[in-house]
C-alpha atoms as a PDB file:
ATOM      1  CA  UNK A   1     -69.684  92.797  53.533  1.00  0.00           C
ATOM      2  CA  UNK A   2     -72.536  91.771  51.240  1.00  0.00           C
ATOM      3  CA  UNK A   3     -75.244  94.255  50.073  1.00  0.00           C
ATOM      4  CA  UNK A   4     -77.787  92.258  52.223  1.00  0.00           C
ATOM      5  CA  UNK A   5     -75.547  92.569  55.255  1.00  0.00           C
ATOM      6  CA  UNK A   6     -75.093  96.203  55.001  1.00  0.00           C
ATOM      7  CA  UNK A   7     -78.631  96.764  54.482  1.00  0.00           C
ATOM      8  CA  UNK A   8     -79.335  95.068  57.581  1.00  0.00           C
ATOM      9  CA  UNK A   9     -76.600  96.868  59.618  1.00  0.00           C
ATOM     10  CA  UNK A  10     -77.754 100.631  57.994  1.00  0.00           C
ATOM     11  CA  UNK A  11     -81.262  99.612  59.427  1.00  0.00           C
ATOM     12  CA  UNK A  12     -79.974  98.586  63.138  1.00  0.00           C
ATOM     13  CA  UNK A  13     -77.774 102.001  63.246  1.00  0.00           C
ATOM     14  CA  UNK A  14     -80.940 103.880  62.125  1.00  0.00           C
ATOM     15  CA  UNK A  15     -83.051 102.079  64.694  1.00  0.00           C
ATOM     16  CA  UNK A  16     -80.720 102.691  67.548  1.00  0.00           C
ATOM     17  CA  UNK A  17     -80.393 106.483  66.764  1.00  0.00           C
ATOM     18  CA  UNK A  18     -84.075 107.023  66.712  1.00  0.00           C
ATOM     19  CA  UNK A  19     -84.417 104.970  69.986  1.00  0.00           C
ATOM     20  CA  UNK A  20     -81.870 107.220  71.646  1.00  0.00           C
ATOM     21  CA  UNK A  21     -83.158 110.582  70.368  1.00  0.00           C
ATOM     22  CA  UNK A  22     -83.878 112.818  73.483  1.00  0.00           C
ATOM     23  CA  UNK A  23     -87.305 114.240  73.887  1.00  0.00           C
ATOM     24  CA  UNK A  24     -85.547 117.486  74.734  1.00  0.00           C
ATOM     25  CA  UNK A  25     -85.310 117.916  70.847  1.00  0.00           C
ATOM     26  CA  UNK A  26     -89.066 118.619  70.667  1.00  0.00           C
ATOM     27  CA  UNK A  27     -88.198 122.146  72.321  1.00  0.00           C
ATOM     28  CA  UNK A  28     -88.729 124.878  69.791  1.00  0.00           C
ATOM     29  CA  UNK A  29     -86.217 127.737  69.759  1.00  0.00           C
ATOM     30  CA  UNK A  30     -88.668 130.261  71.028  1.00  0.00           C
ATOM     31  CA  UNK A  31     -87.829 130.551  74.744  1.00  0.00           C
ATOM     32  CA  UNK A  32     -91.070 131.344  75.769  1.00  0.00           C
ATOM     33  CA  UNK A  33     -93.036 128.360  74.470  1.00  0.00           C
ATOM     34  CA  UNK A  34     -92.713 124.486  74.845  1.00  0.00           C
ATOM     35  CA  UNK A  35     -93.597 122.647  71.870  1.00  0.00           C
ATOM     36  CA  UNK A  36     -94.116 119.741  73.955  1.00  0.00           C
ATOM     37  CA  UNK A  37     -95.463 119.306  77.524  1.00  0.00           C
ATOM     38  CA  UNK A  38     -93.621 116.015  78.000  1.00  0.00           C
ATOM     39  CA  UNK A  39     -89.864 115.226  78.352  1.00  0.00           C
ATOM     40  CA  UNK A  40     -88.185 112.210  78.888  1.00  0.00           C
ATOM     41  CA  UNK A  41     -84.927 110.263  77.469  1.00  0.00           C
ATOM     42  CA  UNK A  42     -81.631 111.197  77.648  1.00  0.00           C
ATOM     43  CA  UNK A  43     -80.273 114.666  77.497  1.00  0.00           C
ATOM     44  CA  UNK A  44     -77.240 115.482  79.219  1.00  0.00           C
ATOM     45  CA  UNK A  45     -76.411 119.650  79.514  1.00  0.00           C
ATOM     46  CA  UNK A  46     -79.634 120.153  77.816  1.00  0.00           C
ATOM     47  CA  UNK A  47     -80.584 123.900  77.623  1.00  0.00           C
ATOM     48  CA  UNK A  48     -83.818 125.253  79.203  1.00  0.00           C
ATOM     49  CA  UNK A  49     -82.781 128.425  80.647  1.00  0.00           C
ATOM     50  CA  UNK A  50     -85.397 131.168  80.835  1.00  0.00           C
ATOM     51  CA  UNK A  51     -87.945 128.925  78.613  1.00  0.00           C
ATOM     52  CA  UNK A  52     -91.650 128.880  79.855  1.00  0.00           C
ATOM     53  CA  UNK A  53     -92.039 125.114  80.752  1.00  0.00           C
ATOM     54  CA  UNK A  54     -95.192 125.593  83.331  1.00  0.00           C
ATOM     55  CA  UNK A  55     -97.035 122.269  84.004  1.00  0.00           C
ATOM     56  CA  UNK A  56     -94.346 120.718  81.738  1.00  0.00           C
ATOM     57  CA  UNK A  57     -94.121 116.749  82.863  1.00  0.00           C
ATOM     58  CA  UNK A  58     -90.475 115.066  83.146  1.00  0.00           C
ATOM     59  CA  UNK A  59     -90.959 111.294  83.145  1.00  0.00           C
ATOM     60  CA  UNK A  60     -87.933 109.141  83.640  1.00  0.00           C
ATOM     61  CA  UNK A  61     -85.796 111.963  82.198  1.00  0.00           C
ATOM     62  CA  UNK A  62     -82.140 111.500  82.202  1.00  0.00           C
ATOM     63  CA  UNK A  63     -80.856 115.465  82.068  1.00  0.00           C
ATOM     64  CA  UNK A  64     -77.525 115.360  84.252  1.00  0.00           C
ATOM     65  CA  UNK A  65     -76.236 118.953  83.961  1.00  0.00           C
ATOM     66  CA  UNK A  66     -79.183 120.490  82.436  1.00  0.00           C
ATOM     67  CA  UNK A  67     -79.166 123.977  82.553  1.00  0.00           C
ATOM     68  CA  UNK A  68     -83.019 125.313  83.724  1.00  0.00           C
ATOM     69  CA  UNK A  69     -81.246 129.095  84.939  1.00  0.00           C
ATOM     70  CA  UNK A  70     -84.577 131.239  85.157  1.00  0.00           C
ATOM     71  CA  UNK A  71     -86.884 128.742  83.772  1.00  0.00           C
ATOM     72  CA  UNK A  72     -90.335 128.959  84.669  1.00  0.00           C
ATOM     73  CA  UNK A  73     -91.542 125.346  85.968  1.00  0.00           C
ATOM     74  CA  UNK A  74     -94.608 126.457  87.572  1.00  0.00           C
ATOM     75  CA  UNK A  75     -96.808 123.299  88.208  1.00  0.00           C
ATOM     76  CA  UNK A  76     -94.313 120.973  86.709  1.00  0.00           C
ATOM     77  CA  UNK A  77     -93.698 117.312  87.622  1.00  0.00           C
ATOM     78  CA  UNK A  78     -90.696 115.482  87.617  1.00  0.00           C
ATOM     79  CA  UNK A  79     -91.315 112.094  88.521  1.00  0.00           C
ATOM     80  CA  UNK A  80     -88.515 109.144  88.596  1.00  0.00           C
ATOM     81  CA  UNK A  81     -85.929 111.626  86.728  1.00  0.00           C
ATOM     82  CA  UNK A  82     -82.128 112.319  87.029  1.00  0.00           C
ATOM     83  CA  UNK A  83     -81.224 116.218  87.387  1.00  0.00           C
ATOM     84  CA  UNK A  84     -77.987 115.212  89.142  1.00  0.00           C
ATOM     85  CA  UNK A  85     -76.060 118.679  88.737  1.00  0.00           C
ATOM     86  CA  UNK A  86     -78.699 120.726  86.946  1.00  0.00           C
ATOM     87  CA  UNK A  87     -78.579 124.504  87.664  1.00  0.00           C
ATOM     88  CA  UNK A  88     -82.040 125.887  88.636  1.00  0.00           C
ATOM     89  CA  UNK A  89     -80.518 129.227  89.648  1.00  0.00           C
ATOM     90  CA  UNK A  90     -83.505 131.754  89.910  1.00  0.00           C
ATOM     91  CA  UNK A  91     -85.706 129.478  88.522  1.00  0.00           C
ATOM     92  CA  UNK A  92     -89.689 129.231  89.308  1.00  0.00           C
ATOM     93  CA  UNK A  93     -90.643 126.213  90.998  1.00  0.00           C
ATOM     94  CA  UNK A  94     -93.674 127.481  92.436  1.00  0.00           C
ATOM     95  CA  UNK A  95     -96.275 124.340  92.915  1.00  0.00           C
ATOM     96  CA  UNK A  96     -94.242 122.155  91.099  1.00  0.00           C
ATOM     97  CA  UNK A  97     -94.188 118.030  92.210  1.00  0.00           C
ATOM     98  CA  UNK A  98     -90.637 116.499  92.609  1.00  0.00           C
ATOM     99  CA  UNK A  99     -91.180 112.754  93.234  1.00  0.00           C
ATOM    100  CA  UNK A 100     -88.382 110.093  93.404  1.00  0.00           C
ATOM    101  CA  UNK A 101     -85.928 112.087  91.280  1.00  0.00           C
ATOM    102  CA  UNK A 102     -82.233 112.977  92.116  1.00  0.00           C
ATOM    103  CA  UNK A 103     -80.830 116.373  92.283  1.00  0.00           C
ATOM    104  CA  UNK A 104     -77.683 115.700  93.577  1.00  0.00           C
ATOM    105  CA  UNK A 105     -75.082 118.819  93.622  1.00  0.00           C
ATOM    106  CA  UNK A 106     -78.194 120.675  91.598  1.00  0.00           C
ATOM    107  CA  UNK A 107     -78.147 124.667  92.350  1.00  0.00           C
ATOM    108  CA  UNK A 108     -81.595 126.133  93.334  1.00  0.00           C
ATOM    109  CA  UNK A 109     -79.898 129.264  94.653  1.00  0.00           C
ATOM    110  CA  UNK A 110     -82.198 132.160  94.525  1.00  0.00           C
ATOM    111  CA  UNK A 111     -85.115 129.807  93.082  1.00  0.00           C
ATOM    112  CA  UNK A 112     -88.770 130.597  93.993  1.00  0.00           C
ATOM    113  CA  UNK A 113     -90.341 127.187  95.724  1.00  0.00           C
ATOM    114  CA  UNK A 114     -92.783 128.217  97.947  1.00  0.00           C
ATOM    115  CA  UNK A 115     -95.961 125.421  97.684  1.00  0.00           C
ATOM    116  CA  UNK A 116     -93.320 123.059  96.005  1.00  0.00           C
ATOM    117  CA  UNK A 117     -93.992 119.239  96.845  1.00  0.00           C
ATOM    118  CA  UNK A 118     -90.985 116.758  97.045  1.00  0.00           C
ATOM    119  CA  UNK A 119     -91.250 113.462  98.073  1.00  0.00           C
ATOM    120  CA  UNK A 120     -88.529 110.731  98.488  1.00  0.00           C
ATOM    121  CA  UNK A 121     -86.201 113.328  96.431  1.00  0.00           C
ATOM    122  CA  UNK A 122     -82.387 113.219  96.702  1.00  0.00           C
ATOM    123  CA  UNK A 123     -81.050 116.698  96.917  1.00  0.00           C
ATOM    124  CA  UNK A 124     -77.633 115.684  98.314  1.00  0.00           C
ATOM    125  CA  UNK A 125     -75.208 118.289  98.365  1.00  0.00           C
ATOM    126  CA  UNK A 126     -77.726 120.747  96.411  1.00  0.00           C
ATOM    127  CA  UNK A 127     -77.365 124.453  96.825  1.00  0.00           C
ATOM    128  CA  UNK A 128     -80.423 126.196  98.089  1.00  0.00           C
ATOM    129  CA  UNK A 129     -78.781 129.816  99.045  1.00  0.00           C
ATOM    130  CA  UNK A 130     -81.489 132.704  99.017  1.00  0.00           C
ATOM    131  CA  UNK A 131     -84.066 130.416  97.774  1.00  0.00           C
ATOM    132  CA  UNK A 132     -87.801 130.952  98.971  1.00  0.00           C
ATOM    133  CA  UNK A 133     -89.296 127.640 100.141  1.00  0.00           C
ATOM    134  CA  UNK A 134     -92.259 129.014 102.115  1.00  0.00           C
ATOM    135  CA  UNK A 135     -94.707 125.999 102.873  1.00  0.00           C
ATOM    136  CA  UNK A 136     -93.015 123.573 100.604  1.00  0.00           C
ATOM    137  CA  UNK A 137     -92.988 120.024 101.640  1.00  0.00           C
ATOM    138  CA  UNK A 138     -89.599 118.177 101.375  1.00  0.00           C
ATOM    139  CA  UNK A 139     -91.403 115.171 103.379  1.00  0.00           C
ATOM    140  CA  UNK A 140     -88.971 112.034 103.542  1.00  0.00           C
ATOM    141  CA  UNK A 141     -86.035 113.778 101.246  1.00  0.00           C
ATOM    142  CA  UNK A 142     -82.303 113.363 101.662  1.00  0.00           C
ATOM    143  CA  UNK A 143     -80.676 116.810 101.808  1.00  0.00           C
ATOM    144  CA  UNK A 144     -77.274 115.575 103.440  1.00  0.00           C
ATOM    145  CA  UNK A 145     -74.624 118.293 102.872  1.00  0.00           C
ATOM    146  CA  UNK A 146     -77.004 120.701 101.327  1.00  0.00           C
ATOM    147  CA  UNK A 147     -76.190 124.209 101.375  1.00  0.00           C
ATOM    148  CA  UNK A 148     -79.151 126.420 102.705  1.00  0.00           C
ATOM    149  CA  UNK A 149     -77.497 129.927 103.534  1.00  0.00           C
ATOM    150  CA  UNK A 150     -79.944 132.160 104.384  1.00  0.00           C
ATOM    151  CA  UNK A 151     -82.689 130.460 102.678  1.00  0.00           C
ATOM    152  CA  UNK A 152     -86.448 130.869 103.278  1.00  0.00           C
ATOM    153  CA  UNK A 153     -88.505 127.703 105.031  1.00  0.00           C
ATOM    154  CA  UNK A 154     -90.946 129.185 106.495  1.00  0.00           C
ATOM    155  CA  UNK A 155     -94.282 127.060 107.418  1.00  0.00           C
ATOM    156  CA  UNK A 156     -92.179 123.860 105.430  1.00  0.00           C
ATOM    157  CA  UNK A 157     -93.041 120.500 106.161  1.00  0.00           C
ATOM    158  CA  UNK A 158     -89.432 118.833 106.470  1.00  0.00           C
ATOM    159  CA  UNK A 159     -90.626 115.938 108.419  1.00  0.00           C
ATOM    160  CA  UNK A 160     -88.009 112.674 108.549  1.00  0.00           C
ATOM    161  CA  UNK A 161     -85.433 114.380 106.268  1.00  0.00           C
ATOM    162  CA  UNK A 162     -82.243 113.666 106.554  1.00  0.00           C
ATOM    163  CA  UNK A 163     -80.027 116.888 106.787  1.00  0.00           C
ATOM    164  CA  UNK A 164     -76.877 115.546 108.069  1.00  0.00           C
ATOM    165  CA  UNK A 165     -73.980 118.162 107.931  1.00  0.00           C
ATOM    166  CA  UNK A 166     -75.899 120.992 106.033  1.00  0.00           C
ATOM    167  CA  UNK A 167     -74.931 124.381 105.985  1.00  0.00           C
ATOM    168  CA  UNK A 168     -77.868 126.402 107.066  1.00  0.00           C
ATOM    169  CA  UNK A 169     -76.494 129.289 108.743  1.00  0.00           C
ATOM    170  CA  UNK A 170     -79.255 132.669 108.963  1.00  0.00           C
ATOM    171  CA  UNK A 171     -81.736 130.047 107.453  1.00  0.00           C
ATOM    172  CA  UNK A 172     -85.486 130.750 108.185  1.00  0.00           C
ATOM    173  CA  UNK A 173     -87.119 127.577 109.524  1.00  0.00           C
ATOM    174  CA  UNK A 174     -90.083 129.560 111.812  1.00  0.00           C
ATOM    175  CA  UNK A 175     -93.279 127.491 111.738  1.00  0.00           C
ATOM    176  CA  UNK A 176     -91.699 124.571 110.034  1.00  0.00           C
ATOM    177  CA  UNK A 177     -91.890 120.993 110.909  1.00  0.00           C
ATOM    178  CA  UNK A 178     -88.563 118.969 111.443  1.00  0.00           C
ATOM    179  CA  UNK A 179     -90.297 116.157 113.630  1.00  0.00           C
ATOM    180  CA  UNK A 180     -88.232 113.029 113.281  1.00  0.00           C
ATOM    181  CA  UNK A 181     -85.609 114.598 111.224  1.00  0.00           C
ATOM    182  CA  UNK A 182     -81.972 114.228 111.376  1.00  0.00           C
ATOM    183  CA  UNK A 183     -79.699 117.145 111.720  1.00  0.00           C
ATOM    184  CA  UNK A 184     -76.659 115.872 112.908  1.00  0.00           C
ATOM    185  CA  UNK A 185     -73.385 118.385 112.538  1.00  0.00           C
ATOM    186  CA  UNK A 186     -75.204 121.032 111.001  1.00  0.00           C
ATOM    187  CA  UNK A 187     -74.562 124.545 110.876  1.00  0.00           C
ATOM    188  CA  UNK A 188     -77.569 126.596 112.091  1.00  0.00           C
ATOM    189  CA  UNK A 189     -75.768 129.607 113.131  1.00  0.00           C
ATOM    190  CA  UNK A 190     -78.176 132.814 113.504  1.00  0.00           C
ATOM    191  CA  UNK A 191     -81.026 130.561 112.070  1.00  0.00           C
ATOM    192  CA  UNK A 192     -84.655 130.828 113.128  1.00  0.00           C
ATOM    193  CA  UNK A 193     -86.203 128.254 114.759  1.00  0.00           C
ATOM    194  CA  UNK A 194     -89.187 130.302 115.924  1.00  0.00           C
ATOM    195  CA  UNK A 195     -92.090 128.398 117.078  1.00  0.00           C
ATOM    196  CA  UNK A 196     -90.603 125.281 114.746  1.00  0.00           C
ATOM    197  CA  UNK A 197     -91.570 121.626 115.816  1.00  0.00           C
ATOM    198  CA  UNK A 198     -88.491 119.637 116.344  1.00  0.00           C
ATOM    199  CA  UNK A 199     -90.261 116.700 118.428  1.00  0.00           C
ATOM    200  CA  UNK A 200     -87.781 113.636 118.269  1.00  0.00           C
ATOM    201  CA  UNK A 201     -85.378 115.763 115.894  1.00  0.00           C
ATOM    202  CA  UNK A 202     -81.628 114.588 116.054  1.00  0.00           C
ATOM    203  CA  UNK A 203     -79.342 117.660 116.466  1.00  0.00           C
ATOM    204  CA  UNK A 204     -76.420 115.798 117.841  1.00  0.00           C
ATOM    205  CA  UNK A 205     -73.360 118.094 117.262  1.00  0.00           C
ATOM    206  CA  UNK A 206     -75.137 120.898 115.678  1.00  0.00           C
ATOM    207  CA  UNK A 207     -74.056 124.487 115.733  1.00  0.00           C
ATOM    208  CA  UNK A 208     -76.829 126.910 116.750  1.00  0.00           C
ATOM    209  CA  UNK A 209     -75.029 129.871 118.216  1.00  0.00           C
ATOM    210  CA  UNK A 210     -77.204 132.739 117.856  1.00  0.00           C
ATOM    211  CA  UNK A 211     -80.075 130.801 116.642  1.00  0.00           C
ATOM    212  CA  UNK A 212     -83.793 131.939 117.523  1.00  0.00           C
ATOM    213  CA  UNK A 213     -85.566 128.852 119.416  1.00  0.00           C
ATOM    214  CA  UNK A 214     -88.216 131.107 120.710  1.00  0.00           C
ATOM    215  CA  UNK A 215     -91.101 128.513 121.312  1.00  0.00           C
ATOM    216  CA  UNK A 216     -89.537 125.885 119.384  1.00  0.00           C
ATOM    217  CA  UNK A 217     -91.008 122.527 120.400  1.00  0.00           C
ATOM    218  CA  UNK A 218     -87.805 120.695 121.580  1.00  0.00           C
ATOM    219  CA  UNK A 219     -89.667 117.395 123.053  1.00  0.00           C
ATOM    220  CA  UNK A 220     -87.344 114.232 122.906  1.00  0.00           C
ATOM    221  CA  UNK A 221     -85.050 116.582 120.584  1.00  0.00           C
ATOM    222  CA  UNK A 222     -81.070 114.907 120.994  1.00  0.00           C
ATOM    223  CA  UNK A 223     -78.999 117.827 121.485  1.00  0.00           C
ATOM    224  CA  UNK A 224     -76.029 115.722 122.614  1.00  0.00           C
ATOM    225  CA  UNK A 225     -72.841 117.630 121.953  1.00  0.00           C
ATOM    226  CA  UNK A 226     -74.944 120.635 120.308  1.00  0.00           C
ATOM    227  CA  UNK A 227     -73.726 124.060 120.723  1.00  0.00           C
ATOM    228  CA  UNK A 228     -76.781 126.308 121.718  1.00  0.00           C
ATOM    229  CA  UNK A 229     -74.421 129.109 123.168  1.00  0.00           C
ATOM    230  CA  UNK A 230     -76.143 132.266 122.627  1.00  0.00           C
ATOM    231  CA  UNK A 231     -79.366 131.026 121.477  1.00  0.00           C
ATOM    232  CA  UNK A 232     -82.063 133.450 121.831  1.00  0.00           C
ATOM    233  CA  UNK A 233     -85.512 132.644 123.358  1.00  0.00           C
ATOM    234  CA  UNK A 234     -84.459 129.282 124.675  1.00  0.00           C
ATOM    235  CA  UNK A 235     -86.227 128.562 127.846  1.00  0.00           C
ATOM    236  CA  UNK A 236     -85.431 126.066 131.088  1.00  0.00           C
ATOM    237  CA  UNK A 237     -88.791 124.147 130.155  1.00  0.00           C
ATOM    238  CA  UNK A 238     -87.360 123.443 126.475  1.00  0.00           C
ATOM    239  CA  UNK A 239     -84.530 121.952 127.827  1.00  0.00           C
ATOM    240  CA  UNK A 240     -86.134 119.707 130.361  1.00  0.00           C
ATOM    241  CA  UNK A 241     -88.156 118.131 127.588  1.00  0.00           C
ATOM    242  CA  UNK A 242     -84.905 117.878 125.527  1.00  0.00           C
ATOM    243  CA  UNK A 243     -82.619 115.147 125.796  1.00  0.00           C
ATOM    244  CA  UNK A 244     -79.310 116.876 126.745  1.00  0.00           C
ATOM    245  CA  UNK A 245     -75.841 115.579 128.142  1.00  0.00           C
ATOM    246  CA  UNK A 246     -72.430 117.191 129.446  1.00  0.00           C
ATOM    247  CA  UNK A 247     -71.490 117.960 126.088  1.00  0.00           C
ATOM    248  CA  UNK A 248     -74.208 120.059 125.482  1.00  0.00           C
ATOM    249  CA  UNK A 249     -73.338 123.452 125.533  1.00  0.00           C
ATOM    250  CA  UNK A 250     -76.272 125.900 126.712  1.00  0.00           C
ATOM    251  CA  UNK A 251     -76.861 129.805 127.267  1.00  0.00           C
ATOM    252  CA  UNK A 252     -75.975 131.221 130.534  1.00  0.00           C
ATOM    253  CA  UNK A 253     -78.525 130.141 133.401  1.00  0.00           C
ATOM    254  CA  UNK A 254     -79.779 127.014 131.693  1.00  0.00           C
ATOM    255  CA  UNK A 255     -78.777 124.028 132.661  1.00  0.00           C
ATOM    256  CA  UNK A 256     -78.612 120.218 131.434  1.00  0.00           C
ATOM    257  CA  UNK A 257     -81.036 117.615 133.051  1.00  0.00           C
ATOM    258  CA  UNK A 258     -80.293 114.726 130.830  1.00  0.00           C
ATOM    259  CA  UNK A 259     -82.992 112.592 129.134  1.00  0.00           C
ATOM    260  CA  UNK A 260     -85.902 111.628 130.571  1.00  0.00           C
ATOM    261  CA  UNK A 261     -87.649 109.897 127.427  1.00  0.00           C
ATOM    262  CA  UNK A 262     -88.814 106.594 127.780  1.00  0.00           C
ATOM    263  CA  UNK A 263     -87.988 105.310 124.412  1.00  0.00           C
ATOM    264  CA  UNK A 264     -84.285 105.163 124.525  1.00  0.00           C
ATOM    265  CA  UNK A 265     -81.299 107.319 123.677  1.00  0.00           C
ATOM    266  CA  UNK A 266     -81.066 107.633 119.946  1.00  0.00           C
ATOM    267  CA  UNK A 267     -83.329 109.342 118.109  1.00  0.00           C
ATOM    268  CA  UNK A 268     -85.383 107.254 115.483  1.00  0.00           C
ATOM    269  CA  UNK A 269     -84.396 107.445 111.892  1.00  0.00           C
ATOM    270  CA  UNK A 270     -86.711 108.251 109.432  1.00  0.00           C
ATOM    271  CA  UNK A 271     -88.031 105.719 107.296  1.00  0.00           C
ATOM    272  CA  UNK A 272     -86.613 104.582 103.984  1.00  0.00           C
ATOM    273  CA  UNK A 273     -87.819 106.472 101.044  1.00  0.00           C
ATOM    274  CA  UNK A 274     -90.422 104.546  98.943  1.00  0.00           C
ATOM    275  CA  UNK A 275     -89.409 103.254  95.893  1.00  0.00           C
ATOM    276  CA  UNK A 276     -91.233 105.555  93.198  1.00  0.00           C
ATOM    277  CA  UNK A 277     -92.736 103.240  90.607  1.00  0.00           C
ATOM    278  CA  UNK A 278     -91.775 103.095  86.868  1.00  0.00           C
ATOM    279  CA  UNK A 279     -92.977 106.537  85.011  1.00  0.00           C
ATOM    280  CA  UNK A 280     -95.199 105.970  82.134  1.00  0.00           C
ATOM    281  CA  UNK A 281     -93.668 106.314  78.677  1.00  0.00           C
ATOM    282  CA  UNK A 282     -94.455 110.024  77.702  1.00  0.00           C
ATOM    283  CA  UNK A 283     -96.700 110.323  74.778  1.00  0.00           C
ATOM    284  CA  UNK A 284     -94.926 110.893  71.605  1.00  0.00           C
ATOM    285  CA  UNK A 285     -95.309 114.440  69.775  1.00  0.00           C
ATOM    286  CA  UNK A 286     -96.589 114.662  66.433  1.00  0.00           C
ATOM    287  CA  UNK A 287     -93.137 115.427  64.880  1.00  0.00           C
ATOM    288  CA  UNK A 288     -91.093 112.190  66.681  1.00  0.00           C
ATOM    289  CA  UNK A 289     -94.413 109.971  65.178  1.00  0.00           C
ATOM    290  CA  UNK A 290     -94.034 111.293  61.727  1.00  0.00           C
ATOM    291  CA  UNK A 291     -90.373 110.516  61.993  1.00  0.00           C
ATOM    292  CA  UNK A 292     -91.024 107.032  63.252  1.00  0.00           C
ATOM    293  CA  UNK A 293     -93.651 106.087  60.622  1.00  0.00           C
ATOM    294  CA  UNK A 294     -90.705 107.472  58.064  1.00  0.00           C
ATOM    295  CA  UNK A 295     -88.144 105.031  59.843  1.00  0.00           C
ATOM    296  CA  UNK A 296     -90.560 102.141  59.717  1.00  0.00           C
ATOM    297  CA  UNK A 297     -91.293 102.611  55.701  1.00  0.00           C
ATOM    298  CA  UNK A 298     -87.688 102.994  55.014  1.00  0.00           C
ATOM    299  CA  UNK A 299     -86.806  99.984  57.340  1.00  0.00           C
ATOM    300  CA  UNK A 300     -89.693  97.926  55.418  1.00  0.00           C
ATOM    301  CA  UNK A 301     -88.188  99.239  51.970  1.00  0.00           C
ATOM    302  CA  UNK A 302     -84.291  98.165  53.291  1.00  0.00           C
ATOM    303  CA  UNK A 303     -85.948  94.767  54.610  1.00  0.00           C
ATOM    304  CA  UNK A 304     -87.218  93.956  51.063  1.00  0.00           C
ATOM    305  CA  UNK A 305     -83.890  94.817  49.509  1.00  0.00           C
ATOM    306  CA  UNK A 306     -82.084  92.947  51.815  1.00  0.00           C
ATOM    307  CA  UNK A 307     -84.552  89.977  51.554  1.00  0.00           C
ATOM    308  CA  UNK A 308     -83.946  90.343  47.468  1.00  0.00           C
ATOM    309  CA  UNK A 309     -80.305  90.678  47.560  1.00  0.00           C
ATOM    310  CA  UNK A 310     -80.246  87.343  49.692  1.00  0.00           C
ATOM    311  CA  UNK A 311     -82.482  85.245  47.402  1.00  0.00           C
ATOM    312  CA  UNK A 312     -80.289  86.440  44.654  1.00  0.00           C
ATOM    313  CA  UNK A 313     -77.245  85.402  46.454  1.00  0.00           C
ATOM    314  CA  UNK A 314     -78.725  81.900  47.101  1.00  0.00           C
ATOM    315  CA  UNK A 315     -79.697  81.490  43.395  1.00  0.00           C
ATOM    316  CA  UNK A 316     -76.217  82.489  42.187  1.00  0.00           C
ATOM    317  CA  UNK A 317     -74.566  80.226  44.922  1.00  0.00           C
ATOM    318  CA  UNK A 318     -77.014  77.305  43.963  1.00  0.00           C
ATOM    319  CA  UNK A 319     -76.266  77.915  39.950  1.00  0.00           C
ATOM    320  CA  UNK A 320     -72.542  77.846  40.935  1.00  0.00           C
ATOM    321  CA  UNK A 321     -72.960  74.636  42.668  1.00  0.00           C
ATOM    322  CA  UNK A 322     -74.609  73.030  39.639  1.00  0.00           C
ATOM    323  CA  UNK A 323     -72.103  74.197  37.630  1.00  0.00           C
ATOM    324  CA  UNK A 324     -69.655  72.345  39.676  1.00  0.00           C
ATOM    325  CA  UNK A 325     -71.538  69.160  39.498  1.00  0.00           C
ATOM    326  CA  UNK A 326     -71.471  69.187  35.954  1.00  0.00           C
ATOM    327  CA  UNK A 327     -67.924  69.721  35.541  1.00  0.00           C
ATOM    328  CA  UNK A 328     -67.336  66.645  37.700  1.00  0.00           C
END
């Protein structure tokens, strides 16, 4: 390879490596202080455990399998980002916003999530065991197959949420709003739905043995094939408001009266989550800006050398050609 081509190749490699540099590298070693409040780029397995990241912004970040055990993420904003398989065990997410992001298979067990605002986010297969999400919002989110064992969702907004096949035994949904949510095949044994709004919720095939349904609003809720045997606080009036069939298992003394609603036999599916807007590029930290300026200076120098090498190569080729003509 000629010197000019070597210079150009080196310049291209430097530019690619600079563009791929993860913003997470801007976090300094001190776990209590973040050097930058903005994070983006790609950083698989990035280590944020027990770091103070209050009010941090993650925009378009690709952080699969990141470690955020015990991290302080109060007030953080996560927009259009990918945290698939990330570990948020014991993390503090109170008041955080999770918008249009993916947390598939992530672990939030023991996390503090009260006041969390999650919209159009995917938590498929995520683990919320013993988490505290009181008064949190999961509107239009996907929690299919999630583990909610003994999780606390008191007063939470869980409207239009897909919760098919969740494991939520012993969970607390008291005073929560699950209107129009899909809970097909979920396990809610001994869970609390006291004073919970389950209007038009689809509980087909759900397991609710021993659950507390005192004062729950079951208007137009679908209970086909659901097992409510041993449920507490359930009244005939609630069953009459719901949509049952011969496969619905009810506590002793209650009977199924079918479905009396006028809009069909299937609960409506929640609307598709909106496509989140492309997040803005996070601003550069001073350290990254300095590196970019240095890289540009090196680039200009390399291009100058390459141009000079190319000029000399052309002159030599022209000189050889002239000598060949003279010999002829």
